[in-house]
């Protein structure tokens, strides 16, 4: 399962106290629920169906745009494919599916891949916006801003494997906030 599951043998009408200690170097998503086994399985099937639809749509978008990038030889579509890939990497780690299906024996890689995906999304989204808005022709200032933030995204991809997770995630979160604000105002 993509989350940690603990079997708590509690009889009906019985009261028990359980303690749980969780430590991390950064923020954590730690959903806690108490369910019966039947309710857990029903909920798990519904969640998997919805996540399967989401990931399926994202993968189809990625493959379709990759096909377009190759067939018409467009960097814009290639940057869009990298945006989707960065989002897929980051969201699959955050949702626990990457750990469940891809690298369940290497928990340390989940941290690096999530921050790497953030950097990939940042770099490729700025390169896409630069190309889509034709920034070199219309605004030398925004051209430099897009290239600078894309370079910082590239630096974040390197930092994801070199720096401590806490520091690379801190850098990634700040860079994502700057990136979102920049993309928002550059379109106005």
C-alpha atoms as a PDB file:
ATOM      1  CA  UNK A   1       0.000   0.000   0.000  1.00  0.00           C
ATOM      2  CA  UNK A   2       1.165   3.538  -0.617  1.00  0.00           C
ATOM      3  CA  UNK A   3       0.698   4.516   3.041  1.00  0.00           C
ATOM      4  CA  UNK A   4       1.813   2.848   6.230  1.00  0.00           C
ATOM      5  CA  UNK A   5      -0.832   0.483   7.597  1.00  0.00           C
ATOM      6  CA  UNK A   6      -0.986  -0.850  11.130  1.00  0.00           C
ATOM      7  CA  UNK A   7      -3.300  -3.601  12.300  1.00  0.00           C
ATOM      8  CA  UNK A   8      -4.787  -2.527  15.613  1.00  0.00           C
ATOM      9  CA  UNK A   9      -6.640  -5.431  17.205  1.00  0.00           C
ATOM     10  CA  UNK A  10      -9.484  -3.717  19.055  1.00  0.00           C
ATOM     11  CA  UNK A  11     -12.638  -5.559  20.019  1.00  0.00           C
ATOM     12  CA  UNK A  12     -15.982  -3.789  19.830  1.00  0.00           C
ATOM     13  CA  UNK A  13     -16.555  -1.714  22.966  1.00  0.00           C
ATOM     14  CA  UNK A  14     -12.914  -2.027  24.010  1.00  0.00           C
ATOM     15  CA  UNK A  15     -10.730   1.028  24.637  1.00  0.00           C
ATOM     16  CA  UNK A  16      -6.993   1.015  23.946  1.00  0.00           C
ATOM     17  CA  UNK A  17      -4.331   3.710  23.827  1.00  0.00           C
ATOM     18  CA  UNK A  18      -1.693   3.723  21.083  1.00  0.00           C
ATOM     19  CA  UNK A  19       1.259   6.088  20.747  1.00  0.00           C
ATOM     20  CA  UNK A  20       2.896   6.950  17.481  1.00  0.00           C
ATOM     21  CA  UNK A  21       6.093   8.910  17.000  1.00  0.00           C
ATOM     22  CA  UNK A  22       6.928  10.356  13.593  1.00  0.00           C
ATOM     23  CA  UNK A  23      10.107  12.279  12.797  1.00  0.00           C
ATOM     24  CA  UNK A  24      11.194  13.895   9.559  1.00  0.00           C
ATOM     25  CA  UNK A  25      13.654  16.467   8.244  1.00  0.00           C
ATOM     26  CA  UNK A  26      10.884  18.386   6.494  1.00  0.00           C
ATOM     27  CA  UNK A  27       7.132  18.520   6.206  1.00  0.00           C
ATOM     28  CA  UNK A  28       5.264  15.243   6.020  1.00  0.00           C
ATOM     29  CA  UNK A  29       1.958  14.058   4.715  1.00  0.00           C
ATOM     30  CA  UNK A  30       0.815  11.510   7.246  1.00  0.00           C
ATOM     31  CA  UNK A  31      -2.846  10.622   6.802  1.00  0.00           C
ATOM     32  CA  UNK A  32      -4.341   8.866   9.818  1.00  0.00           C
ATOM     33  CA  UNK A  33      -7.609   6.992   9.800  1.00  0.00           C
ATOM     34  CA  UNK A  34      -9.110   4.146  11.740  1.00  0.00           C
ATOM     35  CA  UNK A  35     -11.231   1.857   9.605  1.00  0.00           C
ATOM     36  CA  UNK A  36     -12.607  -1.611   9.584  1.00  0.00           C
ATOM     37  CA  UNK A  37     -10.902  -3.957   7.156  1.00  0.00           C
ATOM     38  CA  UNK A  38     -13.906  -3.975   4.789  1.00  0.00           C
ATOM     39  CA  UNK A  39     -14.222  -0.179   4.731  1.00  0.00           C
ATOM     40  CA  UNK A  40     -10.480   0.152   4.163  1.00  0.00           C
ATOM     41  CA  UNK A  41     -10.573  -2.148   1.116  1.00  0.00           C
ATOM     42  CA  UNK A  42     -13.593  -0.394  -0.420  1.00  0.00           C
ATOM     43  CA  UNK A  43     -11.973   3.029   0.031  1.00  0.00           C
ATOM     44  CA  UNK A  44      -8.651   1.738  -1.328  1.00  0.00           C
ATOM     45  CA  UNK A  45     -10.285   0.440  -4.528  1.00  0.00           C
ATOM     46  CA  UNK A  46     -12.047   3.779  -5.145  1.00  0.00           C
ATOM     47  CA  UNK A  47      -8.855   5.776  -4.539  1.00  0.00           C
ATOM     48  CA  UNK A  48      -6.849   3.536  -6.855  1.00  0.00           C
ATOM     49  CA  UNK A  49      -9.438   3.958  -9.592  1.00  0.00           C
ATOM     50  CA  UNK A  50      -9.286   7.754  -9.353  1.00  0.00           C
ATOM     51  CA  UNK A  51      -5.495   7.840  -9.189  1.00  0.00           C
ATOM     52  CA  UNK A  52      -5.350   5.433 -12.130  1.00  0.00           C
ATOM     53  CA  UNK A  53      -7.530   7.772 -14.193  1.00  0.00           C
ATOM     54  CA  UNK A  54      -5.378  10.759 -13.208  1.00  0.00           C
ATOM     55  CA  UNK A  55      -2.057   9.055 -13.978  1.00  0.00           C
ATOM     56  CA  UNK A  56      -3.495   7.582 -17.175  1.00  0.00           C
ATOM     57  CA  UNK A  57      -4.534  11.005 -18.439  1.00  0.00           C
ATOM     58  CA  UNK A  58      -1.137  12.469 -17.543  1.00  0.00           C
ATOM     59  CA  UNK A  59       0.747   9.649 -19.275  1.00  0.00           C
ATOM     60  CA  UNK A  60      -1.431   9.922 -22.393  1.00  0.00           C
ATOM     61  CA  UNK A  61      -0.794  13.695 -22.449  1.00  0.00           C
ATOM     62  CA  UNK A  62       2.925  13.063 -22.052  1.00  0.00           C
ATOM     63  CA  UNK A  63       3.062  10.475 -24.857  1.00  0.00           C
ATOM     64  CA  UNK A  64       0.845  12.507 -27.205  1.00  0.00           C
ATOM     65  CA  UNK A  65       2.953  15.639 -26.786  1.00  0.00           C
ATOM     66  CA  UNK A  66       6.157  13.623 -27.073  1.00  0.00           C
ATOM     67  CA  UNK A  67       4.869  12.241 -30.377  1.00  0.00           C
ATOM     68  CA  UNK A  68       4.064  15.789 -31.522  1.00  0.00           C
ATOM     69  CA  UNK A  69       7.482  17.068 -30.398  1.00  0.00           C
ATOM     70  CA  UNK A  70       9.225  14.360 -32.397  1.00  0.00           C
ATOM     71  CA  UNK A  71       6.997  14.515 -35.476  1.00  0.00           C
ATOM     72  CA  UNK A  72       7.011  18.311 -35.922  1.00  0.00           C
ATOM     73  CA  UNK A  73      10.404  18.804 -34.246  1.00  0.00           C
ATOM     74  CA  UNK A  74       9.169  21.475 -31.857  1.00  0.00           C
ATOM     75  CA  UNK A  75      10.998  22.446 -28.690  1.00  0.00           C
ATOM     76  CA  UNK A  76       7.766  23.892 -27.292  1.00  0.00           C
ATOM     77  CA  UNK A  77       6.168  20.456 -27.171  1.00  0.00           C
ATOM     78  CA  UNK A  78       9.346  18.957 -25.737  1.00  0.00           C
ATOM     79  CA  UNK A  79       9.330  21.532 -22.925  1.00  0.00           C
ATOM     80  CA  UNK A  80       5.647  20.740 -22.344  1.00  0.00           C
ATOM     81  CA  UNK A  81       6.502  17.020 -22.080  1.00  0.00           C
ATOM     82  CA  UNK A  82       9.136  17.876 -19.471  1.00  0.00           C
ATOM     83  CA  UNK A  83       6.585  19.958 -17.533  1.00  0.00           C
ATOM     84  CA  UNK A  84       4.245  16.956 -17.418  1.00  0.00           C
ATOM     85  CA  UNK A  85       7.114  14.637 -16.438  1.00  0.00           C
ATOM     86  CA  UNK A  86       8.181  16.978 -13.621  1.00  0.00           C
ATOM     87  CA  UNK A  87       4.610  17.089 -12.330  1.00  0.00           C
ATOM     88  CA  UNK A  88       4.255  13.311 -12.571  1.00  0.00           C
ATOM     89  CA  UNK A  89       7.476  12.741 -10.644  1.00  0.00           C
ATOM     90  CA  UNK A  90       6.587  15.201  -7.896  1.00  0.00           C
ATOM     91  CA  UNK A  91       2.944  14.155  -7.497  1.00  0.00           C
ATOM     92  CA  UNK A  92       3.665  10.423  -7.613  1.00  0.00           C
ATOM     93  CA  UNK A  93       6.154  10.858  -4.768  1.00  0.00           C
ATOM     94  CA  UNK A  94       3.785  13.062  -2.755  1.00  0.00           C
ATOM     95  CA  UNK A  95       0.923  10.584  -3.205  1.00  0.00           C
ATOM     96  CA  UNK A  96       3.120   7.609  -2.301  1.00  0.00           C
ATOM     97  CA  UNK A  97       2.656   5.750  -5.582  1.00  0.00           C
ATOM     98  CA  UNK A  98       6.251   6.159  -6.742  1.00  0.00           C
ATOM     99  CA  UNK A  99       7.484   4.562  -3.527  1.00  0.00           C
ATOM    100  CA  UNK A 100       4.858   1.816  -3.759  1.00  0.00           C
ATOM    101  CA  UNK A 101       5.526   0.818  -7.362  1.00  0.00           C
ATOM    102  CA  UNK A 102       8.894   2.180  -8.490  1.00  0.00           C
ATOM    103  CA  UNK A 103      11.548   2.355  -5.767  1.00  0.00           C
ATOM    104  CA  UNK A 104      10.130   0.613  -2.717  1.00  0.00           C
ATOM    105  CA  UNK A 105      13.623  -0.669  -1.806  1.00  0.00           C
ATOM    106  CA  UNK A 106      15.196   2.811  -1.957  1.00  0.00           C
ATOM    107  CA  UNK A 107      13.279   5.273   0.231  1.00  0.00           C
ATOM    108  CA  UNK A 108      16.074   7.878  -0.007  1.00  0.00           C
ATOM    109  CA  UNK A 109      15.492   8.264  -3.742  1.00  0.00           C
ATOM    110  CA  UNK A 110      11.912   9.445  -3.195  1.00  0.00           C
ATOM    111  CA  UNK A 111      13.170  12.665  -1.627  1.00  0.00           C
ATOM    112  CA  UNK A 112      15.647  13.305  -4.420  1.00  0.00           C
ATOM    113  CA  UNK A 113      13.168  12.529  -7.199  1.00  0.00           C
ATOM    114  CA  UNK A 114      10.484  14.788  -5.741  1.00  0.00           C
ATOM    115  CA  UNK A 115      12.837  17.776  -5.589  1.00  0.00           C
ATOM    116  CA  UNK A 116      14.265  16.831  -9.001  1.00  0.00           C
ATOM    117  CA  UNK A 117      10.700  16.918 -10.400  1.00  0.00           C
ATOM    118  CA  UNK A 118      10.182  20.362  -8.892  1.00  0.00           C
ATOM    119  CA  UNK A 119      13.365  21.576 -10.583  1.00  0.00           C
ATOM    120  CA  UNK A 120      12.418  19.948 -13.885  1.00  0.00           C
ATOM    121  CA  UNK A 121       8.987  21.579 -13.772  1.00  0.00           C
ATOM    122  CA  UNK A 122      10.509  24.980 -12.972  1.00  0.00           C
ATOM    123  CA  UNK A 123      13.166  24.833 -15.677  1.00  0.00           C
ATOM    124  CA  UNK A 124      10.919  23.472 -18.425  1.00  0.00           C
ATOM    125  CA  UNK A 125       7.956  25.742 -17.625  1.00  0.00           C
ATOM    126  CA  UNK A 126      10.167  28.818 -17.985  1.00  0.00           C
ATOM    127  CA  UNK A 127      11.708  27.555 -21.197  1.00  0.00           C
ATOM    128  CA  UNK A 128       8.213  26.789 -22.498  1.00  0.00           C
ATOM    129  CA  UNK A 129       6.890  30.242 -21.515  1.00  0.00           C
ATOM    130  CA  UNK A 130       9.958  31.922 -23.031  1.00  0.00           C
ATOM    131  CA  UNK A 131       9.396  30.141 -26.321  1.00  0.00           C
ATOM    132  CA  UNK A 132       5.583  30.403 -26.320  1.00  0.00           C
ATOM    133  CA  UNK A 133       5.596  34.135 -25.519  1.00  0.00           C
ATOM    134  CA  UNK A 134       8.494  34.729 -27.903  1.00  0.00           C
ATOM    135  CA  UNK A 135      10.317  36.584 -25.147  1.00  0.00           C
ATOM    136  CA  UNK A 136      13.599  37.063 -27.066  1.00  0.00           C
ATOM    137  CA  UNK A 137      11.723  39.098 -29.687  1.00  0.00           C
ATOM    138  CA  UNK A 138       9.302  41.032 -27.475  1.00  0.00           C
ATOM    139  CA  UNK A 139      10.942  41.514 -24.087  1.00  0.00           C
ATOM    140  CA  UNK A 140      14.637  41.267 -23.392  1.00  0.00           C
ATOM    141  CA  UNK A 141      13.925  41.648 -19.666  1.00  0.00           C
ATOM    142  CA  UNK A 142      11.506  38.712 -19.500  1.00  0.00           C
ATOM    143  CA  UNK A 143      13.809  36.683 -21.685  1.00  0.00           C
ATOM    144  CA  UNK A 144      16.521  37.094 -19.039  1.00  0.00           C
ATOM    145  CA  UNK A 145      14.063  36.381 -16.216  1.00  0.00           C
ATOM    146  CA  UNK A 146      12.847  33.177 -17.883  1.00  0.00           C
ATOM    147  CA  UNK A 147      16.413  32.018 -18.539  1.00  0.00           C
ATOM    148  CA  UNK A 148      17.505  32.867 -14.993  1.00  0.00           C
ATOM    149  CA  UNK A 149      14.653  30.976 -13.340  1.00  0.00           C
ATOM    150  CA  UNK A 150      15.171  28.053 -15.740  1.00  0.00           C
ATOM    151  CA  UNK A 151      18.844  27.999 -14.713  1.00  0.00           C
ATOM    152  CA  UNK A 152      17.806  27.972 -11.046  1.00  0.00           C
ATOM    153  CA  UNK A 153      15.507  25.043 -11.869  1.00  0.00           C
ATOM    154  CA  UNK A 154      18.482  23.236 -13.369  1.00  0.00           C
ATOM    155  CA  UNK A 155      20.492  24.021 -10.255  1.00  0.00           C
ATOM    156  CA  UNK A 156      17.659  22.605  -8.135  1.00  0.00           C
ATOM    157  CA  UNK A 157      17.772  19.372 -10.152  1.00  0.00           C
ATOM    158  CA  UNK A 158      21.476  19.051  -9.295  1.00  0.00           C
ATOM    159  CA  UNK A 159      20.908  20.062  -5.663  1.00  0.00           C
ATOM    160  CA  UNK A 160      18.257  17.371  -5.295  1.00  0.00           C
ATOM    161  CA  UNK A 161      20.995  14.718  -5.406  1.00  0.00           C
ATOM    162  CA  UNK A 162      23.796  16.700  -3.737  1.00  0.00           C
ATOM    163  CA  UNK A 163      22.287  18.744  -0.903  1.00  0.00           C
ATOM    164  CA  UNK A 164      20.580  17.457   2.202  1.00  0.00           C
ATOM    165  CA  UNK A 165      16.864  16.866   1.565  1.00  0.00           C
ATOM    166  CA  UNK A 166      15.797  19.561   4.014  1.00  0.00           C
ATOM    167  CA  UNK A 167      17.822  22.257   2.243  1.00  0.00           C
ATOM    168  CA  UNK A 168      17.002  21.191  -1.289  1.00  0.00           C
ATOM    169  CA  UNK A 169      13.285  21.074  -0.452  1.00  0.00           C
ATOM    170  CA  UNK A 170      13.496  24.529   1.131  1.00  0.00           C
ATOM    171  CA  UNK A 171      15.196  25.854  -2.022  1.00  0.00           C
ATOM    172  CA  UNK A 172      12.630  24.054  -4.192  1.00  0.00           C
ATOM    173  CA  UNK A 173       9.617  25.479  -2.363  1.00  0.00           C
ATOM    174  CA  UNK A 174      10.923  29.034  -2.587  1.00  0.00           C
ATOM    175  CA  UNK A 175      11.797  28.581  -6.250  1.00  0.00           C
ATOM    176  CA  UNK A 176       8.347  27.156  -7.029  1.00  0.00           C
ATOM    177  CA  UNK A 177       6.659  30.141  -5.373  1.00  0.00           C
ATOM    178  CA  UNK A 178       8.815  32.570  -7.358  1.00  0.00           C
ATOM    179  CA  UNK A 179       8.216  30.557 -10.525  1.00  0.00           C
ATOM    180  CA  UNK A 180       4.429  30.520 -10.151  1.00  0.00           C
ATOM    181  CA  UNK A 181       4.349  34.262  -9.474  1.00  0.00           C
ATOM    182  CA  UNK A 182       6.645  34.949 -12.434  1.00  0.00           C
ATOM    183  CA  UNK A 183       4.580  32.819 -14.827  1.00  0.00           C
ATOM    184  CA  UNK A 184       1.401  34.490 -13.631  1.00  0.00           C
ATOM    185  CA  UNK A 185       2.596  38.065 -14.124  1.00  0.00           C
ATOM    186  CA  UNK A 186       4.444  37.358 -17.362  1.00  0.00           C
ATOM    187  CA  UNK A 187       1.204  36.405 -19.076  1.00  0.00           C
ATOM    188  CA  UNK A 188      -0.541  39.675 -18.158  1.00  0.00           C
END
